[in-house]
Amino acid sequence: MASTSNHISITSPEQFKSVLSEDLNRVSCLNFWAPWAEPCKDFNKEFENAAGKFPKTLFLSIEAEALPDIAETFDIEAVPSFLLLRGHTLLARHSGADTTLLHQLLSQHSGASPSQPLSTSDAKPAPPPAIPSVDSAPSKPRTEEEITARCKELMNKHKVVLFMKGNPSSPKCGFSRQTVGILREKGVEFAWFDILSDEDVRQGLKKLNDWPTFPQIILNGELVGGLDIFREMVESGEWDELYNGIEEEAEGEEKA
């Protein structure tokens, strides 16, 4: 992706922090994208064009799955997604390839625009529609103990449990999609849970397993890790050893 003086393709968290901190009064527009997501192709072009129209604004293109630490910091759950910041302060965010809204928000917040802003309101845009839940969170707030108990219950509902974004038929991120693919290639039967459907479970798992990102692969009630660790275990044979060992142990208990 080409870069202009105010349009930069981010390649590392260190570069991102450095660029963002150069001028804390400057408005920055962040575009989170992925090469496999078709809507990103046209939106990336519009994003680059917008950089030429708003020269005082800093435009940062961020490949979400190549830089998961940055994506997780901003809770990016779908691509494309774009955010506007002033320094480190969030001004607006949107999930989707809405170029009209992009230009409206840039006109509103950048302080310089090629045309008259369509709105002078300081209100943030409405949040995207809620993602349908396969296991909806209760209406009443849960205590920390209840959240922990719920997480443990889910972790133990099958020998292999995948906590992912979306579902196996429609993953909401590339990491989840790749993990599902490996599990299916290995012929592993697994249960799954969409962490986007329950914020309590999402945050509770991060704390319980001391693991900040998703997907999370659970084997016999214990965290294995994320995609990178899971892939390494499969390639080294360690996954087969653990998985088959648990199966043999269970068969031995049944015969006893």
Protein backbone atom coordinates (compact mmCIF):
# COMPACT_ATOMS: atom_id res chain seq x y z
CA MET A 1 0.00 0.00 0.00
CA ALA A 2 1.52 3.30 -1.10
CA SER A 3 2.32 6.03 1.40
CA THR A 4 2.10 9.81 1.10
CA SER A 5 3.58 12.27 3.57
CA ASN A 6 0.51 11.98 5.82
CA HIS A 7 -0.41 8.37 4.90
CA ILE A 8 1.72 5.71 6.55
CA SER A 9 1.52 1.92 6.46
CA ILE A 10 2.28 0.72 9.98
CA THR A 11 4.64 -2.25 10.26
CA SER A 12 5.23 -2.57 14.01
CA PRO A 13 3.75 -1.53 17.39
CA GLU A 14 6.88 0.52 18.05
CA GLN A 15 6.44 2.48 14.83
CA PHE A 16 2.76 3.01 15.63
CA LYS A 17 3.49 4.44 19.08
CA SER A 18 6.24 6.65 17.72
CA VAL A 19 4.19 8.07 14.85
CA LEU A 20 1.10 8.61 16.99
CA SER A 21 3.07 10.41 19.71
CA GLU A 22 4.82 12.90 17.42
CA ASP A 23 1.96 15.40 17.70
CA LEU A 24 -0.69 14.76 20.35
CA ASN A 25 -2.85 17.62 19.03
CA ARG A 26 -3.06 16.13 15.54
CA VAL A 27 -6.08 14.15 14.38
CA SER A 28 -5.22 10.63 13.23
CA CYS A 29 -7.37 8.28 11.18
CA LEU A 30 -6.65 4.56 11.61
CA ASN A 31 -7.73 2.02 9.00
CA PHE A 32 -7.68 -1.62 10.14
CA TRP A 33 -7.77 -3.99 7.17
CA ALA A 34 -6.94 -7.55 6.07
CA PRO A 35 -5.82 -8.84 2.65
CA TRP A 36 -8.45 -11.60 2.61
CA ALA A 37 -11.40 -9.24 3.23
CA GLU A 38 -12.88 -8.15 -0.12
CA PRO A 39 -14.48 -4.90 1.17
CA CYS A 40 -11.04 -3.71 2.30
CA LYS A 41 -9.73 -3.46 -1.27
CA ASP A 42 -11.97 -0.59 -2.35
CA PHE A 43 -11.98 1.01 1.08
CA ASN A 44 -8.18 1.08 1.18
CA LYS A 45 -8.19 3.08 -2.07
CA GLU A 46 -10.75 5.53 -0.68
CA PHE A 47 -8.71 5.83 2.52
CA GLU A 48 -5.61 6.71 0.52
CA ASN A 49 -7.58 9.24 -1.53
CA ALA A 50 -8.90 10.81 1.67
CA ALA A 51 -5.31 11.34 2.83
CA GLY A 52 -4.78 13.63 -0.16
CA LYS A 53 -7.94 15.60 0.63
CA PHE A 54 -7.18 16.07 4.34
CA PRO A 55 -3.43 16.87 4.43
CA LYS A 56 -3.46 18.01 8.07
CA THR A 57 -4.75 14.63 9.25
CA LEU A 58 -2.47 11.63 9.81
CA PHE A 59 -3.71 8.49 8.03
CA LEU A 60 -2.43 5.15 9.35
CA SER A 61 -3.10 1.86 7.55
CA ILE A 62 -2.83 -1.16 9.87
CA GLU A 63 -3.08 -4.80 8.77
CA ALA A 64 -5.10 -6.09 11.71
CA GLU A 65 -3.94 -9.70 11.81
CA ALA A 66 -0.29 -8.90 11.13
CA LEU A 67 -0.34 -6.52 14.11
CA PRO A 68 -2.69 -8.19 16.64
CA ASP A 69 -1.36 -6.20 19.61
CA ILE A 70 -2.57 -2.95 18.04
CA ALA A 71 -5.85 -4.49 16.86
CA GLU A 72 -6.60 -5.90 20.32
CA THR A 73 -5.81 -2.55 21.94
CA PHE A 74 -8.66 -1.00 19.95
CA ASP A 75 -10.95 -4.06 20.21
CA ILE A 76 -11.06 -4.53 16.45
CA GLU A 77 -13.57 -7.30 15.76
CA ALA A 78 -14.12 -6.90 12.01
CA VAL A 79 -12.40 -5.41 8.98
CA PRO A 80 -12.46 -2.86 7.62
CA SER A 81 -12.79 -0.70 10.73
CA PHE A 82 -11.67 2.89 11.09
CA LEU A 83 -11.08 5.17 14.07
CA LEU A 84 -10.39 8.86 14.54
CA LEU A 85 -8.11 9.95 17.37
CA ARG A 86 -6.78 13.25 18.62
CA GLY A 87 -3.53 12.24 20.23
CA HIS A 88 -4.60 9.20 22.24
CA THR A 89 -8.23 10.34 22.66
CA LEU A 90 -10.89 8.47 20.68
CA LEU A 91 -13.11 10.80 18.66
CA ALA A 92 -15.12 8.29 16.63
CA ARG A 93 -15.05 4.72 15.36
CA HIS A 94 -16.95 2.63 12.83
CA SER A 95 -16.91 -0.99 11.71
CA GLY A 96 -17.54 -1.29 7.99
CA ALA A 97 -16.59 0.19 4.62
CA ASP A 98 -18.67 3.37 4.90
CA THR A 99 -16.73 5.93 2.86
CA THR A 100 -19.46 8.56 3.20
CA LEU A 101 -19.27 8.38 6.98
CA LEU A 102 -15.46 8.44 6.78
CA HIS A 103 -15.52 11.76 4.93
CA GLN A 104 -18.21 13.19 7.23
CA LEU A 105 -16.17 12.37 10.33
CA LEU A 106 -12.96 13.69 8.78
CA SER A 107 -14.73 16.93 7.88
CA GLN A 108 -16.14 17.17 11.38
CA HIS A 109 -12.97 16.47 13.34
CA SER A 110 -10.01 17.40 11.14
CA GLY A 111 -10.45 21.18 11.32
CA ALA A 112 -9.90 21.42 7.56
CA SER A 113 -12.04 19.98 4.81
CA PRO A 114 -12.48 20.20 1.06
CA SER A 115 -16.17 21.01 1.52
CA GLN A 116 -18.62 22.24 4.15
CA PRO A 117 -19.13 19.61 6.91
CA LEU A 118 -22.49 17.90 6.76
CA SER A 119 -22.81 18.03 10.54
CA THR A 120 -21.43 20.19 13.32
CA SER A 121 -22.46 17.83 16.11
CA ASP A 122 -19.81 16.52 18.47
CA ALA A 123 -21.83 13.37 19.09
CA LYS A 124 -20.11 10.09 18.33
CA PRO A 125 -21.58 7.94 15.54
CA ALA A 126 -24.04 5.24 16.52
CA PRO A 127 -22.38 1.88 17.29
CA PRO A 128 -22.66 -0.92 14.73
CA PRO A 129 -25.56 -3.35 15.10
CA ALA A 130 -25.11 -5.95 17.82
CA ILE A 131 -23.76 -9.29 16.64
CA PRO A 132 -26.34 -12.08 17.10
CA SER A 133 -25.49 -14.21 20.09
CA VAL A 134 -25.50 -18.00 20.16
CA ASP A 135 -25.57 -17.87 23.94
CA SER A 136 -26.76 -14.46 25.06
CA ALA A 137 -25.48 -12.79 28.19
CA PRO A 138 -28.06 -12.32 30.98
CA SER A 139 -29.76 -8.96 31.41
CA LYS A 140 -28.61 -8.64 35.04
CA PRO A 141 -24.92 -7.90 35.73
CA ARG A 142 -22.98 -10.95 36.87
CA THR A 143 -20.57 -11.00 39.79
CA GLU A 144 -16.91 -11.82 39.20
CA GLU A 145 -17.47 -15.23 40.80
CA GLU A 146 -20.38 -15.93 38.46
CA ILE A 147 -18.33 -14.92 35.43
CA THR A 148 -15.45 -17.18 36.47
CA ALA A 149 -17.84 -20.07 37.05
CA ARG A 150 -19.42 -19.50 33.63
CA CYS A 151 -16.01 -19.48 31.94
CA LYS A 152 -14.96 -22.71 33.64
CA GLU A 153 -18.27 -24.31 32.72
CA LEU A 154 -17.74 -23.45 29.05
CA MET A 155 -14.11 -24.57 29.12
CA ASN A 156 -15.17 -28.01 30.36
CA LYS A 157 -18.19 -28.65 28.16
CA HIS A 158 -16.11 -30.70 25.68
CA LYS A 159 -12.64 -32.19 25.46
CA VAL A 160 -11.67 -29.48 22.97
CA VAL A 161 -13.30 -26.05 23.17
CA LEU A 162 -12.53 -23.17 20.81
CA PHE A 163 -13.27 -19.65 22.02
CA MET A 164 -13.38 -17.67 18.77
CA LYS A 165 -14.75 -14.58 17.06
CA GLY A 166 -17.84 -15.66 15.16
CA ASN A 167 -18.64 -19.31 14.49
CA PRO A 168 -16.92 -22.09 12.52
CA SER A 169 -19.12 -21.44 9.48
CA SER A 170 -18.59 -17.68 9.59
CA PRO A 171 -15.44 -16.66 11.50
CA LYS A 172 -15.13 -12.94 12.25
CA CYS A 173 -11.34 -12.83 12.10
CA GLY A 174 -8.59 -14.56 10.16
CA PHE A 175 -7.01 -16.08 13.29
CA SER A 176 -10.28 -17.82 14.15
CA ARG A 177 -10.71 -18.95 10.54
CA GLN A 178 -7.22 -20.49 10.45
CA THR A 179 -7.71 -22.25 13.79
CA VAL A 180 -10.99 -23.80 12.65
CA GLY A 181 -9.22 -24.95 9.47
CA ILE A 182 -6.44 -26.71 11.38
CA LEU A 183 -8.87 -28.41 13.77
CA ARG A 184 -10.90 -29.68 10.84
CA GLU A 185 -7.78 -30.85 8.98
CA LYS A 186 -6.81 -32.83 12.08
CA GLY A 187 -10.30 -34.30 12.32
CA VAL A 188 -10.71 -32.95 15.84
CA GLU A 189 -14.24 -32.77 17.24
CA PHE A 190 -14.61 -29.53 19.13
CA ALA A 191 -17.15 -27.31 20.80
CA TRP A 192 -17.02 -23.57 20.18
CA PHE A 193 -18.16 -20.32 21.73
CA ASP A 194 -18.49 -16.90 20.07
CA ILE A 195 -16.78 -14.51 22.48
CA LEU A 196 -18.39 -11.56 20.66
CA SER A 197 -21.75 -12.76 22.00
CA ASP A 198 -20.85 -12.28 25.68
CA GLU A 199 -18.53 -9.51 26.87
CA ASP A 200 -18.40 -10.95 30.40
CA VAL A 201 -17.06 -14.25 29.09
CA ARG A 202 -14.66 -12.48 26.76
CA GLN A 203 -13.08 -10.42 29.53
CA GLY A 204 -13.37 -13.23 32.07
CA LEU A 205 -11.37 -15.64 29.89
CA LYS A 206 -8.63 -13.06 29.41
CA LYS A 207 -8.25 -12.82 33.19
CA LEU A 208 -8.82 -16.48 34.06
CA ASN A 209 -6.38 -17.83 31.47
CA ASP A 210 -3.98 -14.86 31.63
CA TRP A 211 -4.22 -14.71 27.84
CA PRO A 212 -5.23 -11.37 26.25
CA THR A 213 -6.19 -12.42 22.71
CA PHE A 214 -8.49 -14.76 20.82
CA PRO A 215 -8.94 -17.43 19.63
CA GLN A 216 -8.17 -19.53 22.70
CA ILE A 217 -7.92 -23.32 22.36
CA ILE A 218 -8.87 -25.36 25.43
CA LEU A 219 -7.91 -29.01 25.84
CA ASN A 220 -9.41 -30.98 28.71
CA GLY A 221 -10.37 -27.80 30.55
CA GLU A 222 -6.92 -26.20 30.26
CA LEU A 223 -5.67 -23.42 27.99
CA VAL A 224 -3.38 -24.60 25.18
CA GLY A 225 -2.85 -21.13 23.75
CA GLY A 226 -3.68 -19.16 20.63
CA LEU A 227 -3.23 -19.89 16.95
CA ASP A 228 0.58 -19.59 16.86
CA ILE A 229 1.15 -21.98 19.77
CA PHE A 230 -1.51 -24.38 18.50
CA ARG A 231 0.06 -24.44 15.02
CA GLU A 232 3.53 -25.06 16.49
CA MET A 233 2.18 -27.94 18.63
CA VAL A 234 0.51 -29.52 15.61
CA GLU A 235 3.67 -29.22 13.49
CA SER A 236 5.89 -30.66 16.24
CA GLY A 237 3.53 -33.55 17.04
CA GLU A 238 2.99 -32.31 20.59
CA TRP A 239 -0.73 -31.76 19.97
CA ASP A 240 -1.29 -35.38 18.86
CA GLU A 241 0.63 -36.62 21.88
CA LEU A 242 -1.49 -34.60 24.32
CA TYR A 243 -4.80 -35.18 22.55
CA ASN A 244 -4.30 -38.93 22.10
CA GLY A 245 -2.96 -39.26 25.64
CA ILE A 246 -6.14 -37.78 27.06
CA GLU A 247 -8.25 -40.11 24.88
CA GLU A 248 -6.31 -43.17 26.05
CA GLU A 249 -6.62 -42.06 29.67
CA ALA A 250 -10.39 -41.65 29.28
CA GLU A 251 -10.72 -45.11 27.68
CA GLY A 252 -8.73 -46.64 30.53
CA GLU A 253 -11.04 -45.06 33.09
CA GLU A 254 -14.10 -46.42 31.26
CA LYS A 255 -12.70 -49.97 31.32
CA ALA A 256 -11.73 -49.79 34.99
